[in-house]
Amino acid sequence: MHKLVMAAIAALLAGTAANAETFAIQAGHVIVDAARPARGASTVVVTDGRIARIEDGATAPAGATVVDLRDKTVMPGLIDVHVHLTSNSGEP
């Protein structure tokens, strides 16, 4: 289920830049820092393919597409730190 939620968020973020839409992802909990406890009920506002802000509670800007994940935990901003910058295996 976790992979499905993350895939849905990734799809929303990828499609946003082309459509210049705003999404309000309402979450039961949001993890923004692994060293801190998860935030409670929050809304991740995504505009033009970027996280614009995180608001407390279940909110939505006017005209935003609402994604109801209030029974889920959301982790925005994951980064793949294991990247090969060359196509040749073994090269630095």
PDB file of N, CA and C in Angstrom:
ATOM      1  N   MET A   1       0.828  -1.189   0.000  1.00  0.00           N
ATOM      2  CA  MET A   1       0.000   0.000   0.000  1.00  0.00           C
ATOM      3  C   MET A   1       0.872   1.252   0.000  1.00  0.00           C
ATOM      4  N   HIS A   2       1.995   1.196   0.748  1.00  0.00           N
ATOM      5  CA  HIS A   2       2.904   2.350   0.819  1.00  0.00           C
ATOM      6  C   HIS A   2       3.419   2.705  -0.574  1.00  0.00           C
ATOM      7  N   LYS A   3       3.804   1.690  -1.345  1.00  0.00           N
ATOM      8  CA  LYS A   3       4.318   1.940  -2.688  1.00  0.00           C
ATOM      9  C   LYS A   3       3.249   2.566  -3.570  1.00  0.00           C
ATOM     10  N   LEU A   4       1.996   2.150  -3.395  1.00  0.00           N
ATOM     11  CA  LEU A   4       0.892   2.698  -4.180  1.00  0.00           C
ATOM     12  C   LEU A   4       0.693   4.178  -3.866  1.00  0.00           C
ATOM     13  N   VAL A   5       0.747   4.536  -2.587  1.00  0.00           N
ATOM     14  CA  VAL A   5       0.587   5.936  -2.187  1.00  0.00           C
ATOM     15  C   VAL A   5       1.721   6.778  -2.761  1.00  0.00           C
ATOM     16  N   MET A   6       2.968   6.298  -2.634  1.00  0.00           N
ATOM     17  CA  MET A   6       4.109   7.046  -3.145  1.00  0.00           C
ATOM     18  C   MET A   6       4.035   7.173  -4.670  1.00  0.00           C
ATOM     19  N   ALA A   7       3.580   6.125  -5.347  1.00  0.00           N
ATOM     20  CA  ALA A   7       3.446   6.183  -6.805  1.00  0.00           C
ATOM     21  C   ALA A   7       2.387   7.212  -7.204  1.00  0.00           C
ATOM     22  N   ALA A   8       1.301   7.278  -6.444  1.00  0.00           N
ATOM     23  CA  ALA A   8       0.244   8.249  -6.731  1.00  0.00           C
ATOM     24  C   ALA A   8       0.763   9.666  -6.567  1.00  0.00           C
ATOM     25  N   ILE A   9       1.529   9.901  -5.521  1.00  0.00           N
ATOM     26  CA  ILE A   9       2.089  11.235  -5.300  1.00  0.00           C
ATOM     27  C   ILE A   9       3.072  11.585  -6.403  1.00  0.00           C
ATOM     28  N   ALA A  10       3.923  10.629  -6.783  1.00  0.00           N
ATOM     29  CA  ALA A  10       4.895  10.876  -7.855  1.00  0.00           C
ATOM     30  C   ALA A  10       4.186  11.201  -9.167  1.00  0.00           C
ATOM     31  N   ALA A  11       3.101  10.486  -9.460  1.00  0.00           N
ATOM     32  CA  ALA A  11       2.347  10.741 -10.692  1.00  0.00           C
ATOM     33  C   ALA A  11       1.733  12.135 -10.668  1.00  0.00           C
ATOM     34  N   LEU A  12       1.218  12.535  -9.515  1.00  0.00           N
ATOM     35  CA  LEU A  12       0.651  13.873  -9.391  1.00  0.00           C
ATOM     36  C   LEU A  12       1.718  14.935  -9.592  1.00  0.00           C
ATOM     37  N   LEU A  13       2.877  14.740  -8.979  1.00  0.00           N
ATOM     38  CA  LEU A  13       3.957  15.715  -9.103  1.00  0.00           C
ATOM     39  C   LEU A  13       4.473  15.794 -10.533  1.00  0.00           C
ATOM     40  N   ALA A  14       4.582  14.667 -11.209  1.00  0.00           N
ATOM     41  CA  ALA A  14       5.091  14.649 -12.582  1.00  0.00           C
ATOM     42  C   ALA A  14       4.124  15.333 -13.542  1.00  0.00           C
ATOM     43  N   GLY A  15       2.846  15.137 -13.352  1.00  0.00           N
ATOM     44  CA  GLY A  15       1.857  15.713 -14.248  1.00  0.00           C
ATOM     45  C   GLY A  15       1.574  17.170 -13.976  1.00  0.00           C
ATOM     46  N   THR A  16       1.937  17.653 -12.838  1.00  0.00           N
ATOM     47  CA  THR A  16       1.599  19.009 -12.447  1.00  0.00           C
ATOM     48  C   THR A  16       2.310  20.053 -13.287  1.00  0.00           C
ATOM     49  N   ALA A  17       3.584  19.847 -13.584  1.00  0.00           N
ATOM     50  CA  ALA A  17       4.349  20.855 -14.312  1.00  0.00           C
ATOM     51  C   ALA A  17       3.731  21.150 -15.673  1.00  0.00           C
ATOM     52  N   ALA A  18       3.252  20.127 -16.351  1.00  0.00           N
ATOM     53  CA  ALA A  18       2.674  20.321 -17.676  1.00  0.00           C
ATOM     54  C   ALA A  18       1.332  21.037 -17.593  1.00  0.00           C
ATOM     55  N   ASN A  19       0.546  20.773 -16.548  1.00  0.00           N
ATOM     56  CA  ASN A  19      -0.788  21.334 -16.438  1.00  0.00           C
ATOM     57  C   ASN A  19      -0.838  22.601 -15.590  1.00  0.00           C
ATOM     58  N   ALA A  20       0.217  22.899 -14.835  1.00  0.00           N
ATOM     59  CA  ALA A  20       0.266  24.058 -13.945  1.00  0.00           C
ATOM     60  C   ALA A  20      -0.934  24.080 -13.016  1.00  0.00           C
ATOM     61  N   GLU A  21      -1.265  22.928 -12.468  1.00  0.00           N
ATOM     62  CA  GLU A  21      -2.380  22.812 -11.543  1.00  0.00           C
ATOM     63  C   GLU A  21      -1.875  22.828 -10.112  1.00  0.00           C
ATOM     64  N   THR A  22      -2.811  22.985  -9.189  1.00  0.00           N
ATOM     65  CA  THR A  22      -2.497  22.921  -7.770  1.00  0.00           C
ATOM     66  C   THR A  22      -3.214  21.722  -7.169  1.00  0.00           C
ATOM     67  N   PHE A  23      -2.461  20.940  -6.392  1.00  0.00           N
ATOM     68  CA  PHE A  23      -3.012  19.789  -5.695  1.00  0.00           C
ATOM     69  C   PHE A  23      -2.902  20.015  -4.201  1.00  0.00           C
ATOM     70  N   ALA A  24      -3.905  19.589  -3.470  1.00  0.00           N
ATOM     71  CA  ALA A  24      -3.886  19.621  -2.013  1.00  0.00           C
ATOM     72  C   ALA A  24      -3.934  18.167  -1.548  1.00  0.00           C
ATOM     73  N   ILE A  25      -2.796  17.645  -1.087  1.00  0.00           N
ATOM     74  CA  ILE A  25      -2.707  16.259  -0.644  1.00  0.00           C
ATOM     75  C   ILE A  25      -2.936  16.253   0.861  1.00  0.00           C
ATOM     76  N   GLN A  26      -4.128  15.839   1.260  1.00  0.00           N
ATOM     77  CA  GLN A  26      -4.494  15.816   2.670  1.00  0.00           C
ATOM     78  C   GLN A  26      -4.043  14.495   3.268  1.00  0.00           C
ATOM     79  N   ALA A  27      -3.204  14.570   4.310  1.00  0.00           N
ATOM     80  CA  ALA A  27      -2.601  13.375   4.907  1.00  0.00           C
ATOM     81  C   ALA A  27      -2.928  13.282   6.388  1.00  0.00           C
ATOM     82  N   GLY A  28      -2.980  12.043   6.878  1.00  0.00           N
ATOM     83  CA  GLY A  28      -3.177  11.824   8.307  1.00  0.00           C
ATOM     84  C   GLY A  28      -1.936  12.211   9.088  1.00  0.00           C
ATOM     85  N   HIS A  29      -0.766  11.913   8.519  1.00  0.00           N
ATOM     86  CA  HIS A  29       0.527  12.280   9.104  1.00  0.00           C
ATOM     87  C   HIS A  29       1.469  12.618   7.962  1.00  0.00           C
ATOM     88  N   VAL A  30       2.417  13.536   8.215  1.00  0.00           N
ATOM     89  CA  VAL A  30       3.420  13.888   7.222  1.00  0.00           C
ATOM     90  C   VAL A  30       4.793  13.815   7.886  1.00  0.00           C
ATOM     91  N   ILE A  31       5.700  13.066   7.258  1.00  0.00           N
ATOM     92  CA  ILE A  31       7.075  12.978   7.744  1.00  0.00           C
ATOM     93  C   ILE A  31       7.909  13.909   6.877  1.00  0.00           C
ATOM     94  N   VAL A  32       8.484  14.953   7.493  1.00  0.00           N
ATOM     95  CA  VAL A  32       9.318  15.895   6.744  1.00  0.00           C
ATOM     96  C   VAL A  32      10.776  15.826   7.172  1.00  0.00           C
ATOM     97  N   ASP A  33      11.047  15.198   8.309  1.00  0.00           N
ATOM     98  CA  ASP A  33      12.413  15.098   8.838  1.00  0.00           C
ATOM     99  C   ASP A  33      12.488  13.798   9.638  1.00  0.00           C
ATOM    100  N   ALA A  34      13.377  12.899   9.233  1.00  0.00           N
ATOM    101  CA  ALA A  34      13.497  11.600   9.904  1.00  0.00           C
ATOM    102  C   ALA A  34      13.923  11.739  11.360  1.00  0.00           C
ATOM    103  N   ALA A  35      14.532  12.857  11.719  1.00  0.00           N
ATOM    104  CA  ALA A  35      15.003  13.067  13.087  1.00  0.00           C
ATOM    105  C   ALA A  35      13.918  13.644  13.995  1.00  0.00           C
ATOM    106  N   ARG A  36      12.749  13.928  13.432  1.00  0.00           N
ATOM    107  CA  ARG A  36      11.665  14.513  14.216  1.00  0.00           C
ATOM    108  C   ARG A  36      10.425  13.642  14.100  1.00  0.00           C
ATOM    109  N   PRO A  37       9.524  13.740  15.076  1.00  0.00           N
ATOM    110  CA  PRO A  37       8.272  12.983  14.974  1.00  0.00           C
ATOM    111  C   PRO A  37       7.442  13.452  13.771  1.00  0.00           C
ATOM    112  N   ALA A  38       6.597  12.569  13.282  1.00  0.00           N
ATOM    113  CA  ALA A  38       5.713  12.923  12.165  1.00  0.00           C
ATOM    114  C   ALA A  38       4.754  14.020  12.594  1.00  0.00           C
ATOM    115  N   ARG A  39       4.426  14.893  11.652  1.00  0.00           N
ATOM    116  CA  ARG A  39       3.394  15.904  11.898  1.00  0.00           C
ATOM    117  C   ARG A  39       2.054  15.205  11.918  1.00  0.00           C
ATOM    118  N   GLY A  40       1.093  15.788  12.579  1.00  0.00           N
ATOM    119  CA  GLY A  40      -0.265  15.244  12.580  1.00  0.00           C
ATOM    120  C   GLY A  40      -0.945  15.541  11.259  1.00  0.00           C
ATOM    121  N   ALA A  41      -2.264  15.621  11.300  1.00  0.00           N
ATOM    122  CA  ALA A  41      -3.039  15.892  10.093  1.00  0.00           C
ATOM    123  C   ALA A  41      -2.517  17.153   9.409  1.00  0.00           C
ATOM    124  N   SER A  42      -2.167  17.015   8.129  1.00  0.00           N
ATOM    125  CA  SER A  42      -1.568  18.120   7.380  1.00  0.00           C
ATOM    126  C   SER A  42      -1.985  18.041   5.921  1.00  0.00           C
ATOM    127  N   THR A  43      -1.798  19.151   5.223  1.00  0.00           N
ATOM    128  CA  THR A  43      -2.053  19.206   3.783  1.00  0.00           C
ATOM    129  C   THR A  43      -0.786  19.659   3.076  1.00  0.00           C
ATOM    130  N   VAL A  44      -0.339  18.860   2.104  1.00  0.00           N
ATOM    131  CA  VAL A  44       0.812  19.215   1.282  1.00  0.00           C
ATOM    132  C   VAL A  44       0.251  19.874   0.026  1.00  0.00           C
ATOM    133  N   VAL A  45       0.564  21.146  -0.175  1.00  0.00           N
ATOM    134  CA  VAL A  45       0.082  21.896  -1.331  1.00  0.00           C
ATOM    135  C   VAL A  45       1.164  21.878  -2.406  1.00  0.00           C
ATOM    136  N   VAL A  46       0.824  21.328  -3.574  1.00  0.00           N
ATOM    137  CA  VAL A  46       1.759  21.188  -4.688  1.00  0.00           C
ATOM    138  C   VAL A  46       1.280  22.087  -5.827  1.00  0.00           C
ATOM    139  N   THR A  47       2.138  23.029  -6.241  1.00  0.00           N
ATOM    140  CA  THR A  47       1.803  23.956  -7.322  1.00  0.00           C
ATOM    141  C   THR A  47       2.935  23.939  -8.337  1.00  0.00           C
ATOM    142  N   ASP A  48       2.576  23.845  -9.599  1.00  0.00           N
ATOM    143  CA  ASP A  48       3.561  23.821 -10.689  1.00  0.00           C
ATOM    144  C   ASP A  48       4.609  22.733 -10.480  1.00  0.00           C
ATOM    145  N   GLY A  49       4.210  21.586  -9.966  1.00  0.00           N
ATOM    146  CA  GLY A  49       5.112  20.454  -9.814  1.00  0.00           C
ATOM    147  C   GLY A  49       6.043  20.524  -8.626  1.00  0.00           C
ATOM    148  N   ARG A  50       5.860  21.500  -7.746  1.00  0.00           N
ATOM    149  CA  ARG A  50       6.732  21.658  -6.578  1.00  0.00           C
ATOM    150  C   ARG A  50       5.885  21.791  -5.315  1.00  0.00           C
ATOM    151  N   ILE A  51       6.436  21.284  -4.233  1.00  0.00           N
ATOM    152  CA  ILE A  51       5.754  21.447  -2.954  1.00  0.00           C
ATOM    153  C   ILE A  51       5.847  22.921  -2.577  1.00  0.00           C
ATOM    154  N   ALA A  52       4.704  23.579  -2.495  1.00  0.00           N
ATOM    155  CA  ALA A  52       4.664  25.008  -2.183  1.00  0.00           C
ATOM    156  C   ALA A  52       4.684  25.239  -0.675  1.00  0.00           C
ATOM    157  N   ARG A  53       3.949  24.401   0.065  1.00  0.00           N
ATOM    158  CA  ARG A  53       3.880  24.556   1.518  1.00  0.00           C
ATOM    159  C   ARG A  53       3.188  23.345   2.121  1.00  0.00           C
ATOM    160  N   ILE A  54       3.320  23.227   3.431  1.00  0.00           N
ATOM    161  CA  ILE A  54       2.608  22.205   4.195  1.00  0.00           C
ATOM    162  C   ILE A  54       1.811  22.937   5.255  1.00  0.00           C
ATOM    163  N   GLU A  55       0.502  22.725   5.249  1.00  0.00           N
ATOM    164  CA  GLU A  55      -0.392  23.408   6.177  1.00  0.00           C
ATOM    165  C   GLU A  55      -0.910  22.425   7.217  1.00  0.00           C
ATOM    166  N   ASP A  56      -1.239  22.927   8.396  1.00  0.00           N
ATOM    167  CA  ASP A  56      -1.851  22.095   9.429  1.00  0.00           C
ATOM    168  C   ASP A  56      -3.296  21.798   9.055  1.00  0.00           C
ATOM    169  N   GLY A  57      -3.747  20.583   9.342  1.00  0.00           N
ATOM    170  CA  GLY A  57      -5.136  20.199   9.113  1.00  0.00           C
ATOM    171  C   GLY A  57      -5.430  19.869   7.662  1.00  0.00           C
ATOM    172  N   ALA A  58      -6.696  19.562   7.389  1.00  0.00           N
ATOM    173  CA  ALA A  58      -7.158  19.221   6.041  1.00  0.00           C
ATOM    174  C   ALA A  58      -7.687  20.487   5.388  1.00  0.00           C
ATOM    175  N   THR A  59      -6.848  21.132   4.586  1.00  0.00           N
ATOM    176  CA  THR A  59      -7.222  22.374   3.915  1.00  0.00           C
ATOM    177  C   THR A  59      -7.092  22.187   2.412  1.00  0.00           C
ATOM    178  N   ALA A  60      -7.514  23.184   1.657  1.00  0.00           N
ATOM    179  CA  ALA A  60      -7.337  23.156   0.198  1.00  0.00           C
ATOM    180  C   ALA A  60      -7.513  24.562  -0.348  1.00  0.00           C
ATOM    181  N   PRO A  61      -6.541  25.041  -1.120  1.00  0.00           N
ATOM    182  CA  PRO A  61      -6.703  26.347  -1.767  1.00  0.00           C
ATOM    183  C   PRO A  61      -7.840  26.283  -2.786  1.00  0.00           C
ATOM    184  N   ALA A  62      -8.424  27.415  -3.080  1.00  0.00           N
ATOM    185  CA  ALA A  62      -9.500  27.474  -4.071  1.00  0.00           C
ATOM    186  C   ALA A  62      -9.020  26.926  -5.406  1.00  0.00           C
ATOM    187  N   GLY A  63      -9.803  26.044  -6.006  1.00  0.00           N
ATOM    188  CA  GLY A  63      -9.484  25.481  -7.309  1.00  0.00           C
ATOM    189  C   GLY A  63      -8.521  24.317  -7.302  1.00  0.00           C
ATOM    190  N   ALA A  64      -8.004  23.937  -6.134  1.00  0.00           N
ATOM    191  CA  ALA A  64      -7.049  22.825  -6.059  1.00  0.00           C
ATOM    192  C   ALA A  64      -7.753  21.482  -6.210  1.00  0.00           C
ATOM    193  N   THR A  65      -7.043  20.523  -6.791  1.00  0.00           N
ATOM    194  CA  THR A  65      -7.524  19.147  -6.839  1.00  0.00           C
ATOM    195  C   THR A  65      -7.148  18.503  -5.508  1.00  0.00           C
ATOM    196  N   VAL A  66      -8.146  17.991  -4.791  1.00  0.00           N
ATOM    197  CA  VAL A  66      -7.916  17.412  -3.468  1.00  0.00           C
ATOM    198  C   VAL A  66      -7.640  15.923  -3.597  1.00  0.00           C
ATOM    199  N   VAL A  67      -6.551  15.475  -2.966  1.00  0.00           N
ATOM    200  CA  VAL A  67      -6.196  14.060  -2.895  1.00  0.00           C
ATOM    201  C   VAL A  67      -6.352  13.668  -1.435  1.00  0.00           C
ATOM    202  N   ASP A  68      -7.356  12.844  -1.144  1.00  0.00           N
ATOM    203  CA  ASP A  68      -7.678  12.484   0.239  1.00  0.00           C
ATOM    204  C   ASP A  68      -6.863  11.270   0.678  1.00  0.00           C
ATOM    205  N   LEU A  69      -5.796  11.526   1.437  1.00  0.00           N
ATOM    206  CA  LEU A  69      -4.982  10.466   2.020  1.00  0.00           C
ATOM    207  C   LEU A  69      -4.971  10.617   3.541  1.00  0.00           C
ATOM    208  N   ARG A  70      -6.112  11.053   4.097  1.00  0.00           N
ATOM    209  CA  ARG A  70      -6.185  11.329   5.530  1.00  0.00           C
ATOM    210  C   ARG A  70      -6.006  10.091   6.394  1.00  0.00           C
ATOM    211  N   ASP A  71      -6.088   8.909   5.803  1.00  0.00           N
ATOM    212  CA  ASP A  71      -5.835   7.685   6.564  1.00  0.00           C
ATOM    213  C   ASP A  71      -4.435   7.123   6.279  1.00  0.00           C
ATOM    214  N   LYS A  72      -3.571   7.941   5.661  1.00  0.00           N
ATOM    215  CA  LYS A  72      -2.224   7.506   5.284  1.00  0.00           C
ATOM    216  C   LYS A  72      -1.161   8.449   5.852  1.00  0.00           C
ATOM    217  N   THR A  73       0.090   7.976   5.829  1.00  0.00           N
ATOM    218  CA  THR A  73       1.245   8.801   6.160  1.00  0.00           C
ATOM    219  C   THR A  73       1.956   9.139   4.863  1.00  0.00           C
ATOM    220  N   VAL A  74       2.294  10.422   4.670  1.00  0.00           N
ATOM    221  CA  VAL A  74       2.914  10.901   3.440  1.00  0.00           C
ATOM    222  C   VAL A  74       4.330  11.379   3.747  1.00  0.00           C
ATOM    223  N   MET A  75       5.265  11.083   2.827  1.00  0.00           N
ATOM    224  CA  MET A  75       6.658  11.516   2.965  1.00  0.00           C
ATOM    225  C   MET A  75       7.073  12.231   1.690  1.00  0.00           C
ATOM    226  N   PRO A  76       6.869  13.537   1.595  1.00  0.00           N
ATOM    227  CA  PRO A  76       7.272  14.250   0.378  1.00  0.00           C
ATOM    228  C   PRO A  76       8.775  14.446   0.308  1.00  0.00           C
ATOM    229  N   GLY A  77       9.292  14.605  -0.892  1.00  0.00           N
ATOM    230  CA  GLY A  77      10.680  14.979  -1.089  1.00  0.00           C
ATOM    231  C   GLY A  77      11.697  13.872  -0.958  1.00  0.00           C
ATOM    232  N   LEU A  78      11.360  12.650  -1.346  1.00  0.00           N
ATOM    233  CA  LEU A  78      12.355  11.579  -1.308  1.00  0.00           C
ATOM    234  C   LEU A  78      13.375  11.787  -2.421  1.00  0.00           C
ATOM    235  N   ILE A  79      14.630  11.512  -2.129  1.00  0.00           N
ATOM    236  CA  ILE A  79      15.720  11.702  -3.085  1.00  0.00           C
ATOM    237  C   ILE A  79      16.494  10.396  -3.224  1.00  0.00           C
ATOM    238  N   ASP A  80      16.825  10.026  -4.449  1.00  0.00           N
ATOM    239  CA  ASP A  80      17.634   8.840  -4.705  1.00  0.00           C
ATOM    240  C   ASP A  80      19.097   9.254  -4.635  1.00  0.00           C
ATOM    241  N   VAL A  81      19.776   8.887  -3.536  1.00  0.00           N
ATOM    242  CA  VAL A  81      21.171   9.282  -3.370  1.00  0.00           C
ATOM    243  C   VAL A  81      22.140   8.280  -3.992  1.00  0.00           C
ATOM    244  N   HIS A  82      21.618   7.183  -4.529  1.00  0.00           N
ATOM    245  CA  HIS A  82      22.466   6.186  -5.183  1.00  0.00           C
ATOM    246  C   HIS A  82      22.276   6.335  -6.691  1.00  0.00           C
ATOM    247  N   VAL A  83      23.040   7.228  -7.290  1.00  0.00           N
ATOM    248  CA  VAL A  83      22.893   7.530  -8.697  1.00  0.00           C
ATOM    249  C   VAL A  83      24.218   7.285  -9.415  1.00  0.00           C
ATOM    250  N   HIS A  84      24.133   6.630 -10.561  1.00  0.00           N
ATOM    251  CA  HIS A  84      25.314   6.436 -11.412  1.00  0.00           C
ATOM    252  C   HIS A  84      25.279   7.518 -12.481  1.00  0.00           C
ATOM    253  N   LEU A  85      26.266   8.388 -12.486  1.00  0.00           N
ATOM    254  CA  LEU A  85      26.267   9.510 -13.426  1.00  0.00           C
ATOM    255  C   LEU A  85      26.885   9.173 -14.768  1.00  0.00           C
ATOM    256  N   THR A  86      27.439   7.970 -14.906  1.00  0.00           N
ATOM    257  CA  THR A  86      27.965   7.538 -16.199  1.00  0.00           C
ATOM    258  C   THR A  86      27.229   6.279 -16.609  1.00  0.00           C
ATOM    259  N   SER A  87      27.281   5.986 -17.874  1.00  0.00           N
ATOM    260  CA  SER A  87      26.619   4.774 -18.356  1.00  0.00           C
ATOM    261  C   SER A  87      27.554   3.579 -18.338  1.00  0.00           C
ATOM    262  N   ASN A  88      28.830   3.795 -17.962  1.00  0.00           N
ATOM    263  CA  ASN A  88      29.799   2.722 -17.934  1.00  0.00           C
ATOM    264  C   ASN A  88      30.016   2.251 -16.502  1.00  0.00           C
ATOM    265  N   SER A  89      29.627   1.029 -16.257  1.00  0.00           N
ATOM    266  CA  SER A  89      29.763   0.463 -14.919  1.00  0.00           C
ATOM    267  C   SER A  89      31.235   0.441 -14.485  1.00  0.00           C
ATOM    268  N   GLY A  90      31.488   0.819 -13.244  1.00  0.00           N
ATOM    269  CA  GLY A  90      32.823   0.764 -12.713  1.00  0.00           C
ATOM    270  C   GLY A  90      33.620   2.040 -12.842  1.00  0.00           C
ATOM    271  N   GLU A  91      33.150   2.978 -13.638  1.00  0.00           N
ATOM    272  CA  GLU A  91      33.855   4.259 -13.758  1.00  0.00           C
ATOM    273  C   GLU A  91      33.486   5.177 -12.599  1.00  0.00           C
ATOM    274  N   PRO A  92      34.422   5.975 -12.119  1.00  0.00           N
ATOM    275  CA  PRO A  92      34.093   6.891 -11.021  1.00  0.00           C
ATOM    276  C   PRO A  92      33.188   8.015 -11.480  1.00  0.00           C
TER     277      PRO A  92
END
